[in-house]
């Protein structure tokens, strides 16, 4: 009788253990699925607020570089663009990252790498240009297509 109870108890334990293992696997799968879906949504961030042309001003920059137009476009799901200074000089943006309304841009200007960090606020950009001349304030407004 005692051996029968031990066998029944052991079988019940094994049966419950299998149930717990299966439940753990299902829970782990669901957790993984939820995180992967959230990750895909984060990486496929909307770049629409930044794509287009922006008239910029950096008051402390040298004449000819202090105003111009920054153009952003999306090519094969990657942001790219260029800066056209009012002097007519045009440079291609080297890196463009837009995440959570924060824009990070890297560009070579006269063989010097310049970093730009700005925040999108509606139709305006406000940020900092970091070059060998130091940090300078940047403002820009979206150019509306007519």
N, C-alpha and C. Protein backbone atom coordinates (compact mmCIF):
# COMPACT_ATOMS: atom_id res chain seq x y z
N UNK A 1 0.82 -1.19 0.00
CA UNK A 1 0.00 0.00 0.00
C UNK A 1 0.87 1.26 0.00
N UNK A 2 1.87 1.24 0.84
CA UNK A 2 2.77 2.40 0.91
C UNK A 2 3.49 2.60 -0.41
N UNK A 3 3.92 1.52 -1.02
CA UNK A 3 4.63 1.65 -2.31
C UNK A 3 3.69 2.18 -3.38
N UNK A 4 2.42 1.83 -3.33
CA UNK A 4 1.44 2.35 -4.30
C UNK A 4 1.26 3.84 -4.11
N UNK A 5 1.18 4.29 -2.86
CA UNK A 5 1.06 5.72 -2.59
C UNK A 5 2.30 6.48 -3.07
N UNK A 6 3.46 5.90 -2.87
CA UNK A 6 4.70 6.54 -3.33
C UNK A 6 4.69 6.65 -4.85
N UNK A 7 4.28 5.60 -5.52
CA UNK A 7 4.23 5.62 -6.99
C UNK A 7 3.22 6.65 -7.47
N UNK A 8 2.04 6.69 -6.86
CA UNK A 8 1.02 7.68 -7.25
C UNK A 8 1.53 9.09 -6.98
N UNK A 9 2.14 9.30 -5.82
CA UNK A 9 2.69 10.61 -5.48
C UNK A 9 3.78 11.02 -6.47
N UNK A 10 4.68 10.09 -6.79
CA UNK A 10 5.77 10.36 -7.72
C UNK A 10 5.22 10.66 -9.10
N UNK A 11 4.25 9.88 -9.56
CA UNK A 11 3.64 10.12 -10.86
C UNK A 11 2.96 11.49 -10.90
N UNK A 12 2.26 11.81 -9.81
CA UNK A 12 1.61 13.12 -9.72
C UNK A 12 2.64 14.24 -9.75
N UNK A 13 3.76 14.07 -9.03
CA UNK A 13 4.83 15.07 -9.03
C UNK A 13 5.42 15.23 -10.43
N UNK A 14 5.69 14.09 -11.09
CA UNK A 14 6.25 14.15 -12.44
C UNK A 14 5.25 14.80 -13.38
N UNK A 15 4.00 14.43 -13.26
CA UNK A 15 2.95 15.00 -14.11
C UNK A 15 2.85 16.52 -13.89
N UNK A 16 2.84 16.94 -12.62
CA UNK A 16 2.80 18.38 -12.32
C UNK A 16 4.06 19.08 -12.80
N UNK A 17 5.19 18.42 -12.65
CA UNK A 17 6.47 19.00 -13.10
C UNK A 17 6.45 19.20 -14.62
N UNK A 18 5.90 18.24 -15.34
CA UNK A 18 5.79 18.37 -16.81
C UNK A 18 4.88 19.52 -17.18
N UNK A 19 3.77 19.65 -16.45
CA UNK A 19 2.85 20.77 -16.69
C UNK A 19 3.57 22.10 -16.47
N UNK A 20 4.34 22.18 -15.38
CA UNK A 20 5.07 23.41 -15.08
C UNK A 20 6.10 23.71 -16.16
N UNK A 21 6.79 22.68 -16.64
CA UNK A 21 7.79 22.86 -17.68
C UNK A 21 7.14 23.36 -18.96
N UNK A 22 6.03 22.77 -19.32
CA UNK A 22 5.31 23.19 -20.53
C UNK A 22 4.83 24.63 -20.37
N UNK A 23 4.28 24.94 -19.21
CA UNK A 23 3.81 26.31 -18.96
C UNK A 23 4.96 27.30 -19.02
N UNK A 24 6.12 26.92 -18.46
CA UNK A 24 7.30 27.78 -18.52
C UNK A 24 7.72 28.04 -19.97
N UNK A 25 7.70 26.98 -20.77
CA UNK A 25 8.08 27.12 -22.19
C UNK A 25 7.11 28.04 -22.92
N UNK A 26 5.82 27.86 -22.66
CA UNK A 26 4.82 28.72 -23.30
C UNK A 26 5.00 30.16 -22.84
N UNK A 27 5.19 30.36 -21.56
CA UNK A 27 5.40 31.71 -21.03
C UNK A 27 6.65 32.35 -21.63
N UNK A 28 7.74 31.58 -21.71
CA UNK A 28 8.99 32.09 -22.29
C UNK A 28 8.78 32.47 -23.75
N UNK A 29 8.08 31.64 -24.49
CA UNK A 29 7.80 31.94 -25.90
C UNK A 29 6.98 33.22 -26.03
N UNK A 30 5.92 33.35 -25.24
CA UNK A 30 5.09 34.55 -25.30
C UNK A 30 5.88 35.80 -24.92
N UNK A 31 6.72 35.69 -23.91
CA UNK A 31 7.55 36.82 -23.49
C UNK A 31 8.51 37.22 -24.61
N UNK A 32 9.16 36.24 -25.22
CA UNK A 32 10.07 36.50 -26.33
C UNK A 32 9.33 37.15 -27.50
N UNK A 33 8.14 36.64 -27.81
CA UNK A 33 7.34 37.19 -28.90
C UNK A 33 6.98 38.65 -28.65
N UNK A 34 6.57 38.96 -27.42
CA UNK A 34 6.21 40.35 -27.07
C UNK A 34 7.41 41.27 -27.19
N UNK A 35 8.56 40.86 -26.68
CA UNK A 35 9.76 41.69 -26.76
C UNK A 35 10.23 41.88 -28.20
N UNK A 36 10.16 40.83 -29.01
CA UNK A 36 10.60 40.96 -30.39
C UNK A 36 9.68 41.88 -31.17
N UNK A 37 8.37 41.82 -30.90
CA UNK A 37 7.44 42.73 -31.55
C UNK A 37 7.72 44.17 -31.13
N UNK A 38 7.98 44.40 -29.87
CA UNK A 38 8.30 45.75 -29.39
C UNK A 38 9.60 46.24 -30.02
N UNK A 39 10.60 45.38 -30.16
CA UNK A 39 11.88 45.75 -30.76
C UNK A 39 11.69 46.14 -32.21
N UNK A 40 10.89 45.37 -32.94
CA UNK A 40 10.64 45.69 -34.35
C UNK A 40 9.97 47.05 -34.47
N UNK A 41 9.03 47.34 -33.59
CA UNK A 41 8.36 48.64 -33.63
C UNK A 41 9.31 49.78 -33.32
N UNK A 42 10.26 49.58 -32.42
CA UNK A 42 11.21 50.63 -32.07
C UNK A 42 12.18 50.88 -33.23
N UNK A 43 12.68 49.82 -33.86
CA UNK A 43 13.65 50.00 -34.93
C UNK A 43 13.02 50.55 -36.19
N UNK A 44 11.74 50.34 -36.38
CA UNK A 44 11.07 50.86 -37.55
C UNK A 44 10.45 52.21 -37.23
N UNK A 45 11.22 53.08 -36.63
CA UNK A 45 10.73 54.37 -36.17
C UNK A 45 10.36 55.27 -37.34
N UNK A 46 9.38 56.08 -37.12
CA UNK A 46 8.90 57.01 -38.13
C UNK A 46 9.92 58.14 -38.35
N UNK A 47 10.39 58.28 -39.58
CA UNK A 47 11.34 59.35 -39.91
C UNK A 47 10.64 60.52 -40.57
N UNK A 48 9.34 60.44 -40.72
CA UNK A 48 8.58 61.49 -41.40
C UNK A 48 8.78 62.88 -40.79
N UNK A 49 8.86 63.04 -39.47
CA UNK A 49 9.02 64.39 -38.93
C UNK A 49 10.30 65.10 -39.39
N UNK A 50 11.30 64.38 -39.85
CA UNK A 50 12.57 64.99 -40.19
C UNK A 50 12.80 65.10 -41.71
N UNK A 51 12.17 64.22 -42.49
CA UNK A 51 12.38 64.22 -43.93
C UNK A 51 11.87 65.52 -44.55
N UNK A 52 12.72 66.13 -45.38
CA UNK A 52 12.38 67.39 -46.03
C UNK A 52 13.53 68.37 -45.95
N UNK A 53 13.23 69.62 -46.21
CA UNK A 53 14.25 70.67 -46.19
C UNK A 53 14.05 71.59 -44.99
N UNK A 54 15.18 71.99 -44.40
CA UNK A 54 15.18 72.83 -43.21
C UNK A 54 16.13 74.00 -43.43
N UNK A 55 15.64 75.22 -43.24
CA UNK A 55 16.48 76.42 -43.31
C UNK A 55 17.11 76.59 -41.94
N UNK A 56 18.45 76.57 -41.89
CA UNK A 56 19.13 76.61 -40.60
C UNK A 56 19.92 77.91 -40.42
N UNK A 57 20.27 78.16 -39.15
CA UNK A 57 21.10 79.31 -38.79
C UNK A 57 21.99 78.91 -37.62
N UNK A 58 23.29 79.21 -37.74
CA UNK A 58 24.26 79.04 -36.66
C UNK A 58 24.98 80.37 -36.55
N UNK A 59 24.52 81.23 -35.65
CA UNK A 59 25.00 82.61 -35.56
C UNK A 59 26.51 82.71 -35.32
N UNK A 60 27.09 81.79 -34.57
CA UNK A 60 28.52 81.87 -34.23
C UNK A 60 29.43 81.31 -35.33
N UNK A 61 28.87 80.67 -36.34
CA UNK A 61 29.68 80.07 -37.41
C UNK A 61 30.25 81.16 -38.33
N UNK A 62 31.36 80.85 -39.00
CA UNK A 62 31.94 81.83 -39.93
C UNK A 62 30.97 82.18 -41.06
N UNK A 63 31.13 83.39 -41.60
CA UNK A 63 30.29 83.84 -42.70
C UNK A 63 30.37 82.84 -43.86
N UNK A 64 29.24 82.55 -44.44
CA UNK A 64 29.18 81.58 -45.52
C UNK A 64 28.76 80.20 -45.04
N UNK A 65 29.03 79.93 -43.77
CA UNK A 65 28.63 78.65 -43.17
C UNK A 65 27.50 78.85 -42.16
N UNK A 66 27.18 80.09 -41.87
CA UNK A 66 26.24 80.41 -40.80
C UNK A 66 24.78 80.17 -41.15
N UNK A 67 24.45 80.14 -42.43
CA UNK A 67 23.07 79.88 -42.85
C UNK A 67 23.07 78.96 -44.07
N UNK A 68 21.96 78.30 -44.28
CA UNK A 68 21.84 77.41 -45.42
C UNK A 68 20.64 76.50 -45.29
N UNK A 69 20.66 75.43 -46.04
CA UNK A 69 19.54 74.49 -46.05
C UNK A 69 20.07 73.07 -45.81
N UNK A 70 19.44 72.38 -44.86
CA UNK A 70 19.75 70.96 -44.61
C UNK A 70 18.60 70.17 -45.22
N UNK A 71 18.95 69.22 -46.08
CA UNK A 71 17.95 68.38 -46.72
C UNK A 71 18.09 66.95 -46.20
N UNK A 72 16.97 66.38 -45.76
CA UNK A 72 16.93 65.01 -45.30
C UNK A 72 16.01 64.20 -46.21
N UNK A 73 16.44 63.00 -46.56
CA UNK A 73 15.59 62.09 -47.32
C UNK A 73 15.82 60.68 -46.81
N UNK A 74 14.85 59.83 -47.11
CA UNK A 74 14.95 58.43 -46.70
C UNK A 74 15.18 57.59 -47.95
N UNK A 75 16.29 56.85 -47.96
CA UNK A 75 16.64 55.98 -49.07
C UNK A 75 16.85 54.58 -48.52
N UNK A 76 16.06 53.63 -49.00
CA UNK A 76 16.13 52.24 -48.54
C UNK A 76 16.07 52.14 -47.01
N UNK A 77 15.13 52.85 -46.43
CA UNK A 77 14.86 52.85 -45.00
C UNK A 77 16.01 53.42 -44.16
N UNK A 78 16.90 54.20 -44.78
CA UNK A 78 17.98 54.87 -44.05
C UNK A 78 17.91 56.35 -44.35
N UNK A 79 18.15 57.15 -43.32
CA UNK A 79 18.17 58.59 -43.52
C UNK A 79 19.49 59.02 -44.13
N UNK A 80 19.42 59.96 -45.03
CA UNK A 80 20.59 60.55 -45.67
C UNK A 80 20.26 61.99 -46.00
N UNK A 81 21.19 62.70 -46.58
CA UNK A 81 20.91 64.08 -46.95
C UNK A 81 22.16 64.87 -47.21
N UNK A 82 21.98 66.19 -47.25
CA UNK A 82 23.11 67.09 -47.48
C UNK A 82 22.83 68.46 -46.89
N UNK A 83 23.90 69.24 -46.81
CA UNK A 83 23.79 70.63 -46.37
C UNK A 83 24.25 71.50 -47.53
N UNK A 84 23.44 72.48 -47.87
CA UNK A 84 23.83 73.46 -48.88
C UNK A 84 23.97 74.80 -48.16
N UNK A 85 25.21 75.29 -48.06
CA UNK A 85 25.46 76.57 -47.41
C UNK A 85 25.01 77.69 -48.33
N UNK A 86 24.66 78.84 -47.76
CA UNK A 86 24.23 79.97 -48.58
C UNK A 86 25.31 80.42 -49.56
N UNK A 87 26.55 80.07 -49.28
CA UNK A 87 27.66 80.40 -50.18
C UNK A 87 27.62 79.53 -51.45
N UNK A 88 26.77 78.48 -51.46
CA UNK A 88 26.67 77.59 -52.60
C UNK A 88 27.40 76.27 -52.40
N UNK A 89 28.27 76.21 -51.40
CA UNK A 89 29.03 75.01 -51.08
C UNK A 89 28.07 73.95 -50.55
N UNK A 90 28.20 72.70 -51.06
CA UNK A 90 27.29 71.62 -50.67
C UNK A 90 28.10 70.43 -50.18
N UNK A 91 27.68 69.84 -49.04
CA UNK A 91 28.34 68.66 -48.49
C UNK A 91 27.30 67.59 -48.17
N UNK A 92 27.73 66.34 -48.32
CA UNK A 92 26.86 65.20 -48.03
C UNK A 92 26.95 64.83 -46.55
N UNK A 93 25.82 64.52 -45.95
CA UNK A 93 25.80 64.08 -44.55
C UNK A 93 26.39 62.69 -44.46
N UNK A 94 27.26 62.47 -43.50
CA UNK A 94 27.93 61.18 -43.34
C UNK A 94 27.10 60.20 -42.52
N UNK A 95 26.49 60.67 -41.47
CA UNK A 95 25.64 59.81 -40.65
C UNK A 95 24.44 60.61 -40.18
N UNK A 96 23.29 59.97 -40.23
CA UNK A 96 22.05 60.61 -39.78
C UNK A 96 21.28 59.58 -38.96
N UNK A 97 21.02 59.92 -37.70
CA UNK A 97 20.25 59.04 -36.81
C UNK A 97 19.14 59.87 -36.20
N UNK A 98 17.90 59.39 -36.35
CA UNK A 98 16.75 60.07 -35.78
C UNK A 98 16.00 59.09 -34.90
N UNK A 99 15.92 59.41 -33.60
CA UNK A 99 15.25 58.53 -32.65
C UNK A 99 14.64 59.36 -31.53
N UNK A 100 13.38 59.11 -31.24
CA UNK A 100 12.68 59.79 -30.15
C UNK A 100 12.81 61.31 -30.23
N UNK A 101 12.57 61.87 -31.40
CA UNK A 101 12.64 63.32 -31.65
C UNK A 101 14.04 63.90 -31.47
N UNK A 102 15.06 63.06 -31.42
CA UNK A 102 16.45 63.52 -31.32
C UNK A 102 17.16 63.19 -32.62
N UNK A 103 17.82 64.18 -33.17
CA UNK A 103 18.52 64.03 -34.44
C UNK A 103 20.01 64.16 -34.21
N UNK A 104 20.78 63.15 -34.65
CA UNK A 104 22.24 63.17 -34.57
C UNK A 104 22.78 63.11 -36.00
N UNK A 105 23.61 64.08 -36.35
CA UNK A 105 24.16 64.17 -37.70
C UNK A 105 25.66 64.33 -37.61
N UNK A 106 26.37 63.66 -38.51
CA UNK A 106 27.80 63.84 -38.67
C UNK A 106 28.09 64.24 -40.09
N UNK A 107 28.97 65.23 -40.27
CA UNK A 107 29.25 65.73 -41.61
C UNK A 107 30.68 66.26 -41.68
N UNK A 108 31.33 66.06 -42.82
CA UNK A 108 32.65 66.65 -43.04
C UNK A 108 32.47 68.01 -43.71
N UNK A 109 33.02 69.05 -43.07
CA UNK A 109 33.01 70.40 -43.64
C UNK A 109 34.46 70.84 -43.72
N UNK A 110 34.94 71.07 -44.94
CA UNK A 110 36.34 71.44 -45.16
C UNK A 110 37.29 70.47 -44.45
N UNK A 111 37.08 69.19 -44.66
CA UNK A 111 37.88 68.08 -44.11
C UNK A 111 37.86 67.99 -42.57
N UNK A 112 36.92 68.63 -41.94
CA UNK A 112 36.75 68.52 -40.49
C UNK A 112 35.40 67.86 -40.20
N UNK A 113 35.42 66.86 -39.33
CA UNK A 113 34.18 66.18 -38.97
C UNK A 113 33.45 67.01 -37.93
N UNK A 114 32.20 67.33 -38.22
CA UNK A 114 31.37 68.16 -37.35
C UNK A 114 30.17 67.34 -36.90
N UNK A 115 29.87 67.39 -35.60
CA UNK A 115 28.71 66.70 -35.03
C UNK A 115 27.59 67.69 -34.78
N UNK A 116 26.38 67.26 -35.08
CA UNK A 116 25.19 68.07 -34.82
C UNK A 116 24.24 67.22 -33.98
N UNK A 117 23.78 67.78 -32.89
CA UNK A 117 22.79 67.12 -32.03
C UNK A 117 21.64 68.09 -31.85
N UNK A 118 20.45 67.68 -32.26
CA UNK A 118 19.30 68.59 -32.16
C UNK A 118 18.04 67.82 -31.81
N UNK A 119 17.03 68.58 -31.45
CA UNK A 119 15.73 68.02 -31.09
C UNK A 119 14.66 68.64 -31.97
N UNK A 120 13.76 67.81 -32.44
CA UNK A 120 12.66 68.27 -33.28
C UNK A 120 11.52 68.71 -32.38
N UNK A 121 11.06 69.93 -32.62
CA UNK A 121 9.93 70.47 -31.87
C UNK A 121 8.93 71.01 -32.90
N UNK A 122 8.08 70.13 -33.39
CA UNK A 122 7.12 70.51 -34.43
C UNK A 122 7.84 70.79 -35.74
N UNK A 123 7.75 72.04 -36.18
CA UNK A 123 8.40 72.44 -37.44
C UNK A 123 9.72 73.15 -37.19
N UNK A 124 10.29 72.95 -35.99
CA UNK A 124 11.55 73.59 -35.65
C UNK A 124 12.56 72.57 -35.14
N UNK A 125 13.83 72.88 -35.37
CA UNK A 125 14.94 72.12 -34.82
C UNK A 125 15.74 73.05 -33.93
N UNK A 126 16.15 72.57 -32.78
CA UNK A 126 17.02 73.33 -31.90
C UNK A 126 18.12 72.39 -31.42
N UNK A 127 19.36 72.87 -31.49
CA UNK A 127 20.42 72.00 -31.07
C UNK A 127 21.78 72.65 -31.02
N UNK A 128 22.81 71.81 -31.07
CA UNK A 128 24.20 72.22 -30.92
C UNK A 128 25.03 71.67 -32.08
N UNK A 129 25.89 72.52 -32.61
CA UNK A 129 26.89 72.11 -33.59
C UNK A 129 28.22 72.06 -32.85
N UNK A 130 28.90 70.93 -32.92
CA UNK A 130 30.17 70.76 -32.21
C UNK A 130 31.29 70.61 -33.23
N UNK A 131 32.18 71.61 -33.28
CA UNK A 131 33.31 71.60 -34.22
C UNK A 131 34.58 72.03 -33.48
N UNK A 132 35.66 72.20 -34.21
CA UNK A 132 36.91 72.64 -33.59
C UNK A 132 36.80 74.07 -33.06
N UNK A 133 35.79 74.80 -33.52
CA UNK A 133 35.55 76.16 -33.03
C UNK A 133 34.77 76.17 -31.72
N UNK A 134 34.37 74.99 -31.28
CA UNK A 134 33.59 74.88 -30.05
C UNK A 134 32.14 74.54 -30.36
N UNK A 135 31.33 74.64 -29.33
CA UNK A 135 29.90 74.34 -29.48
C UNK A 135 29.15 75.62 -29.83
N UNK A 136 28.29 75.49 -30.85
CA UNK A 136 27.51 76.64 -31.34
C UNK A 136 26.04 76.25 -31.42
N UNK A 137 25.17 77.22 -31.14
CA UNK A 137 23.73 76.97 -31.18
C UNK A 137 23.22 76.90 -32.61
N UNK A 138 22.35 75.93 -32.84
CA UNK A 138 21.72 75.73 -34.15
C UNK A 138 20.22 75.88 -34.01
N UNK A 139 19.61 76.61 -34.93
CA UNK A 139 18.15 76.65 -35.04
C UNK A 139 17.80 76.41 -36.50
N UNK A 140 16.67 75.79 -36.73
CA UNK A 140 16.23 75.53 -38.10
C UNK A 140 14.71 75.48 -38.13
N UNK A 141 14.17 75.83 -39.29
CA UNK A 141 12.73 75.74 -39.51
C UNK A 141 12.47 74.98 -40.78
N UNK A 142 11.46 74.16 -40.75
CA UNK A 142 11.07 73.37 -41.92
C UNK A 142 10.63 74.31 -43.04
N UNK A 143 11.10 74.03 -44.24
CA UNK A 143 10.67 74.78 -45.43
C UNK A 143 9.44 74.07 -45.97
N UNK A 144 8.33 74.77 -45.97
CA UNK A 144 7.07 74.17 -46.42
C UNK A 144 6.99 74.22 -47.94
N UNK A 145 6.59 73.09 -48.53
CA UNK A 145 6.42 73.02 -49.98
C UNK A 145 5.13 73.74 -50.34
N UNK A 146 5.21 74.51 -51.40
CA UNK A 146 4.02 75.30 -51.82
C UNK A 146 3.19 74.56 -52.80
